[in-house]
Amino acid sequence: MLPLYTETKNNLQIELRQSVHASPHLHKSLEFVYVMKGTLELGVGDMLYHMEEGDLGIVFPELIHHYQVFDSSECMAYYLLASPSMADAFGSVMQQKSPEYPVIAAENVHPDIRYALDTLYKLDQGSSLYYKWRPEGSPENRIREVLQQAYVNVIMARCLPCITLIDKSMVGSDDIIYRMVSYITGKFREPLTLTQMAHDLGISPYALSRIFSGTFHRNFNQYLNEVRLEYAAELLHRTDEPITDICMDVGFGSQRTFNRVFMEHFHTSPREFRSHQWAADEAHGRGKDTETRRA
């Protein structure tokens, strides 16, 4: 999953999944990662932080971050993305500040945090009949949203005493990596070339290519396509927008190219991906995000 610099339909997304390498990216969400098994490297700005089992990482909105996995054993973690509105009591803190050291060691992680993560995951999976999907705006759905917001605030409240806050301007926000990620996430829907990007950023195409290879571990076109594909996957899952429109919305010039690179990345077609995601939502009791999804 490569979270994008866009707001998704849901205010909260939580996954318990295998940890994998994720290239530098940024988004408007507050992000928590809690290591369940193995180890994980969390990169924020131009620093890399090692995480062990039970450690908690926290990334405030609009900060460049990435993940690397060097452990050959099984590595699993909770990944929680929450809209800043879910922790609005801490809005000014998230907007202006950032953790100086964004990892809380296991022995300092309050038990309430693990309990909140477990509960948020169960709510998301629809484990209780009462919290299964209901029409948008229904009392049951509203109660679920209030509970989600409460648990996100609990996590933030338990984290803040364990971290030192510094100004966001001190977290590598002026480096070329930040400018590159900001550029692509702001323009990925448009026709883009490496040469054009290099010109706009005031750097040579050769130097830009070297950065993609050395830092992102993929070339310009691969990274651009990944950004477009992850956004397309979100639209396929969360909306009923026609696939032909999604193809153009995310910046692909033709549906033939879109279908080919989507298959290479997800190992399934866009239509099959959508069907699988909607079926999984139904199986977990989450229902439809809209009342008029089209096949």
Protein backbone atom coordinates (compact mmCIF):
# COMPACT_ATOMS: atom_id res chain seq x y z
CA MET A 1 0.00 0.00 0.00
CA LEU A 2 1.35 3.39 -0.99
CA PRO A 3 -0.79 6.03 0.73
CA LEU A 4 -1.27 9.14 -1.39
CA TYR A 5 -1.41 12.87 -0.80
CA THR A 6 -5.21 12.76 -1.09
CA GLU A 7 -8.15 12.34 1.21
CA THR A 8 -9.93 9.01 0.92
CA LYS A 9 -13.62 8.42 1.48
CA ASN A 10 -13.00 6.80 4.84
CA ASN A 11 -11.73 8.82 7.80
CA LEU A 12 -9.97 5.76 9.17
CA GLN A 13 -8.25 2.76 7.65
CA ILE A 14 -6.49 0.05 9.64
CA GLU A 15 -4.73 -3.06 8.39
CA LEU A 16 -2.90 -5.92 10.04
CA ARG A 17 -0.55 -7.05 7.30
CA GLN A 18 2.90 -8.19 6.34
CA SER A 19 5.45 -5.41 6.40
CA VAL A 20 7.07 -4.66 3.05
CA HIS A 21 9.28 -1.99 1.55
CA ALA A 22 7.36 1.23 0.80
CA SER A 23 8.98 4.08 -1.10
CA PRO A 24 9.02 7.66 0.25
CA HIS A 25 5.52 9.11 0.22
CA LEU A 26 3.32 11.58 2.07
CA HIS A 27 -0.37 12.07 2.74
CA LYS A 28 -2.75 14.15 4.82
CA SER A 29 -3.47 11.38 7.31
CA LEU A 30 -2.07 10.75 10.76
CA GLU A 31 -0.29 7.39 10.65
CA PHE A 32 0.54 4.85 13.36
CA VAL A 33 2.46 1.61 12.84
CA TYR A 34 2.69 -1.00 15.59
CA VAL A 35 5.06 -3.93 15.06
CA MET A 36 3.41 -7.26 15.87
CA LYS A 37 6.15 -9.59 14.59
CA GLY A 38 9.72 -9.18 13.38
CA THR A 39 11.30 -5.79 12.79
CA LEU A 40 10.72 -2.72 10.63
CA GLU A 41 12.70 0.36 9.59
CA LEU A 42 10.71 3.60 9.60
CA GLY A 43 12.15 6.48 7.63
CA VAL A 44 10.95 10.03 8.35
CA GLY A 45 12.58 12.91 6.53
CA ASP A 46 16.17 11.84 5.95
CA MET A 47 16.44 9.67 9.08
CA LEU A 48 15.86 5.91 9.50
CA TYR A 49 14.55 4.46 12.77
CA HIS A 50 14.72 0.79 13.76
CA MET A 51 11.57 -0.81 15.22
CA GLU A 52 11.26 -4.06 17.18
CA GLU A 53 8.21 -6.09 18.18
CA GLY A 54 5.88 -4.00 20.35
CA ASP A 55 7.34 -0.66 19.21
CA LEU A 56 5.00 2.06 17.97
CA GLY A 57 5.81 4.51 15.18
CA ILE A 58 3.91 7.76 14.70
CA VAL A 59 4.00 9.99 11.60
CA PHE A 60 2.18 13.32 11.61
CA PRO A 61 0.35 14.47 8.44
CA GLU A 62 2.26 15.77 5.41
CA LEU A 63 5.65 14.36 6.36
CA ILE A 64 7.76 12.31 3.96
CA HIS A 65 8.16 8.77 5.27
CA HIS A 66 8.97 5.29 4.03
CA TYR A 67 9.41 1.73 5.26
CA GLN A 68 12.14 -0.86 4.76
CA VAL A 69 12.28 -4.49 5.86
CA PHE A 70 15.65 -6.17 6.37
CA ASP A 71 14.41 -9.03 8.56
CA SER A 72 14.16 -12.39 6.75
CA SER A 73 11.59 -13.72 9.25
CA GLU A 74 7.87 -12.97 9.16
CA CYS A 75 7.22 -9.28 9.81
CA MET A 76 3.69 -8.10 10.63
CA ALA A 77 2.36 -4.77 11.83
CA TYR A 78 -0.78 -2.75 12.38
CA TYR A 79 -0.96 0.18 9.94
CA LEU A 80 -3.47 2.84 10.98
CA LEU A 81 -4.31 5.87 8.83
CA ALA A 82 -6.62 8.42 10.42
CA SER A 83 -7.86 11.73 9.10
CA PRO A 84 -6.69 14.66 11.29
CA SER A 85 -10.39 15.26 12.00
CA MET A 86 -10.38 12.00 13.97
CA ALA A 87 -7.98 13.62 16.45
CA ASP A 88 -9.14 17.22 16.16
CA ALA A 89 -8.21 17.97 19.78
CA PHE A 90 -4.58 17.70 18.66
CA GLY A 91 -5.04 19.56 15.36
CA SER A 92 -2.66 22.44 16.02
CA VAL A 93 0.01 20.06 17.30
CA MET A 94 -0.15 17.89 14.17
CA GLN A 95 -0.13 20.90 11.87
CA GLN A 96 2.91 22.62 13.34
CA LYS A 97 4.94 19.93 15.08
CA SER A 98 6.49 16.51 14.53
CA PRO A 99 7.99 13.91 16.89
CA GLU A 100 11.74 14.44 17.20
CA TYR A 101 12.10 10.65 17.52
CA PRO A 102 9.00 9.03 15.99
CA VAL A 103 9.33 5.59 17.61
CA ILE A 104 8.10 4.70 21.10
CA ALA A 105 9.88 1.65 22.52
CA ALA A 106 7.71 -1.31 23.50
CA GLU A 107 8.29 -0.87 27.22
CA ASN A 108 6.93 2.69 27.00
CA VAL A 109 3.86 1.89 24.87
CA HIS A 110 0.85 2.24 27.17
CA PRO A 111 -1.47 -0.82 27.23
CA ASP A 112 -4.35 1.45 26.17
CA ILE A 113 -2.66 1.88 22.77
CA ARG A 114 -2.58 -1.83 21.99
CA TYR A 115 -6.16 -2.19 23.24
CA ALA A 116 -7.29 0.73 21.04
CA LEU A 117 -5.57 -0.73 17.96
CA ASP A 118 -7.11 -4.16 18.52
CA THR A 119 -10.56 -2.64 18.98
CA LEU A 120 -10.28 -0.38 15.92
CA TYR A 121 -9.26 -3.39 13.86
CA LYS A 122 -12.26 -5.41 15.11
CA LEU A 123 -14.59 -2.50 14.40
CA ASP A 124 -13.18 -2.22 10.88
CA GLN A 125 -13.61 -5.95 10.30
CA GLY A 126 -17.23 -5.82 11.47
CA SER A 127 -16.65 -8.52 14.07
CA SER A 128 -19.75 -7.55 16.05
CA LEU A 129 -23.21 -7.62 14.49
CA TYR A 130 -24.01 -4.26 16.09
CA TYR A 131 -21.13 -2.57 14.30
CA LYS A 132 -21.69 -4.11 10.89
CA TRP A 133 -22.36 -1.76 8.02
CA ARG A 134 -25.49 0.37 8.12
CA PRO A 135 -26.66 3.10 5.73
CA GLU A 136 -24.58 6.25 5.92
CA GLY A 137 -25.92 8.56 8.62
CA SER A 138 -27.69 5.79 10.53
CA PRO A 139 -27.44 5.82 14.36
CA GLU A 140 -25.45 2.56 14.35
CA ASN A 141 -22.92 3.92 11.87
CA ARG A 142 -22.62 7.17 13.79
CA ILE A 143 -21.93 5.30 17.03
CA ARG A 144 -19.18 3.36 15.28
CA GLU A 145 -17.60 6.59 13.99
CA VAL A 146 -17.71 8.13 17.49
CA LEU A 147 -15.99 5.05 18.92
CA GLN A 148 -13.31 5.18 16.23
CA GLN A 149 -12.63 8.84 16.94
CA ALA A 150 -12.47 8.17 20.67
CA TYR A 151 -9.88 5.41 20.26
CA VAL A 152 -7.71 7.52 17.93
CA ASN A 153 -7.73 10.28 20.55
CA VAL A 154 -6.77 7.73 23.21
CA ILE A 155 -3.78 6.67 21.13
CA MET A 156 -2.68 10.27 20.61
CA ALA A 157 -3.16 11.13 24.29
CA ARG A 158 -1.04 8.16 25.34
CA CYS A 159 1.66 8.89 22.74
CA LEU A 160 2.31 12.56 23.39
CA PRO A 161 3.83 12.18 26.89
CA CYS A 162 6.35 9.73 25.38
CA ILE A 163 7.68 11.94 22.60
CA THR A 164 9.44 15.27 22.20
CA LEU A 165 7.91 17.60 19.63
CA ILE A 166 9.86 19.81 17.24
CA ASP A 167 8.84 22.15 14.42
CA LYS A 168 7.94 20.37 11.19
CA SER A 169 10.37 22.62 9.34
CA MET A 170 13.20 20.72 11.04
CA VAL A 171 12.20 17.32 9.59
CA GLY A 172 13.86 17.34 6.20
CA SER A 173 11.02 19.23 4.53
CA ASP A 174 13.32 21.21 2.25
CA ASP A 175 15.34 18.34 0.81
CA ILE A 176 15.08 17.10 -2.76
CA ILE A 177 13.24 13.92 -1.72
CA TYR A 178 10.44 15.99 -0.22
CA ARG A 179 10.26 18.14 -3.33
CA MET A 180 10.18 15.09 -5.59
CA VAL A 181 7.41 13.34 -3.68
CA SER A 182 5.39 16.56 -3.36
CA TYR A 183 5.77 17.19 -7.09
CA ILE A 184 4.56 13.74 -8.15
CA THR A 185 1.74 13.50 -5.65
CA GLY A 186 0.49 16.89 -6.80
CA LYS A 187 0.76 16.17 -10.52
CA PHE A 188 0.40 12.40 -11.01
CA ARG A 189 -2.93 12.81 -12.83
CA GLU A 190 -1.23 14.93 -15.50
CA PRO A 191 1.09 13.78 -18.33
CA LEU A 192 4.55 13.71 -16.72
CA THR A 193 8.07 13.02 -17.93
CA LEU A 194 11.38 12.78 -16.11
CA THR A 195 12.74 15.63 -18.21
CA GLN A 196 9.82 17.91 -17.38
CA MET A 197 10.08 17.11 -13.69
CA ALA A 198 13.85 17.71 -13.66
CA HIS A 199 13.34 21.09 -15.34
CA ASP A 200 10.62 22.15 -12.90
CA LEU A 201 12.73 21.13 -9.88
CA GLY A 202 15.91 22.70 -11.22
CA ILE A 203 17.93 19.47 -11.25
CA SER A 204 19.50 17.50 -14.10
CA PRO A 205 17.56 14.49 -15.45
CA TYR A 206 20.62 12.30 -14.75
CA ALA A 207 20.76 13.35 -11.09
CA LEU A 208 17.00 12.88 -10.74
CA SER A 209 17.21 9.42 -12.24
CA ARG A 210 19.99 8.49 -9.81
CA ILE A 211 17.86 9.59 -6.84
CA PHE A 212 14.93 7.48 -7.99
CA SER A 213 17.19 4.47 -8.34
CA GLY A 214 19.11 4.94 -5.09
CA THR A 215 16.33 6.16 -2.78
CA PHE A 216 13.09 4.90 -4.29
CA HIS A 217 14.60 1.63 -5.60
CA ARG A 218 12.69 1.99 -8.87
CA ASN A 219 12.82 4.28 -11.88
CA PHE A 220 10.70 7.37 -12.53
CA ASN A 221 8.05 5.58 -14.60
CA GLN A 222 7.72 2.73 -12.11
CA TYR A 223 7.22 5.10 -9.18
CA LEU A 224 4.77 7.29 -11.11
CA ASN A 225 2.75 4.24 -12.16
CA GLU A 226 2.67 2.94 -8.59
CA VAL A 227 1.24 6.24 -7.35
CA ARG A 228 -1.38 6.19 -10.09
CA LEU A 229 -2.24 2.53 -9.53
CA GLU A 230 -2.65 2.82 -5.77
CA TYR A 231 -5.00 5.75 -6.25
CA ALA A 232 -6.89 3.79 -8.92
CA ALA A 233 -7.19 0.84 -6.52
CA GLU A 234 -8.70 3.14 -3.90
CA LEU A 235 -11.25 4.45 -6.43
CA LEU A 236 -12.09 0.94 -7.58
CA HIS A 237 -12.67 -0.16 -4.01
CA ARG A 238 -14.41 2.87 -2.53
CA THR A 239 -16.48 4.22 -5.45
CA ASP A 240 -18.66 2.99 -8.31
CA GLU A 241 -16.90 5.21 -10.86
CA PRO A 242 -16.63 3.42 -14.25
CA ILE A 243 -13.25 1.80 -14.87
CA THR A 244 -12.79 3.76 -18.10
CA ASP A 245 -13.19 7.03 -16.18
CA ILE A 246 -10.84 5.90 -13.40
CA CYS A 247 -8.20 5.10 -16.00
CA MET A 248 -8.24 8.68 -17.26
CA ASP A 249 -8.72 10.24 -13.81
CA VAL A 250 -5.46 8.77 -12.50
CA GLY A 251 -3.37 9.89 -15.47
CA PHE A 252 -3.14 6.95 -17.87
CA GLY A 253 -3.40 7.84 -21.53
CA SER A 254 -5.18 4.64 -22.56
CA GLN A 255 -7.17 1.91 -20.88
CA ARG A 256 -5.02 -0.69 -22.60
CA THR A 257 -1.91 0.63 -20.84
CA PHE A 258 -3.83 0.94 -17.58
CA ASN A 259 -5.03 -2.67 -17.73
CA ARG A 260 -1.54 -3.95 -18.52
CA VAL A 261 0.30 -2.15 -15.71
CA PHE A 262 -2.54 -2.87 -13.27
CA MET A 263 -2.23 -6.58 -14.02
CA GLU A 264 1.57 -6.43 -13.61
CA HIS A 265 1.27 -4.68 -10.23
CA PHE A 266 -1.75 -6.38 -8.64
CA HIS A 267 -1.73 -9.66 -10.62
CA THR A 268 -5.41 -9.25 -11.43
CA SER A 269 -7.53 -7.11 -13.74
CA PRO A 270 -9.17 -3.87 -12.52
CA ARG A 271 -12.63 -5.44 -12.82
CA GLU A 272 -11.61 -8.56 -10.88
CA PHE A 273 -9.90 -6.40 -8.24
CA ARG A 274 -13.08 -4.39 -7.71
CA SER A 275 -15.25 -7.50 -7.50
CA HIS A 276 -12.90 -9.07 -4.96
CA GLN A 277 -12.80 -5.94 -2.78
CA TRP A 278 -16.58 -5.51 -2.79
CA ALA A 279 -17.08 -9.20 -2.02
CA ALA A 280 -14.63 -8.93 0.89
CA ASP A 281 -16.53 -5.91 2.25
CA GLU A 282 -19.79 -7.85 2.12
CA ALA A 283 -18.21 -10.88 3.79
CA HIS A 284 -16.93 -8.72 6.66
CA GLY A 285 -20.26 -6.97 7.07
CA ARG A 286 -19.04 -3.60 5.83
CA GLY A 287 -21.52 -3.46 2.98
CA LYS A 288 -21.30 -0.91 0.20
CA ASP A 289 -19.71 2.50 0.44
CA THR A 290 -22.40 3.84 -1.87
CA GLU A 291 -25.93 2.68 -2.48
CA THR A 292 -25.53 2.58 -6.27
CA ARG A 293 -22.28 0.77 -6.99
CA ARG A 294 -22.19 -0.46 -10.55
CA ALA A 295 -20.50 -3.70 -11.61
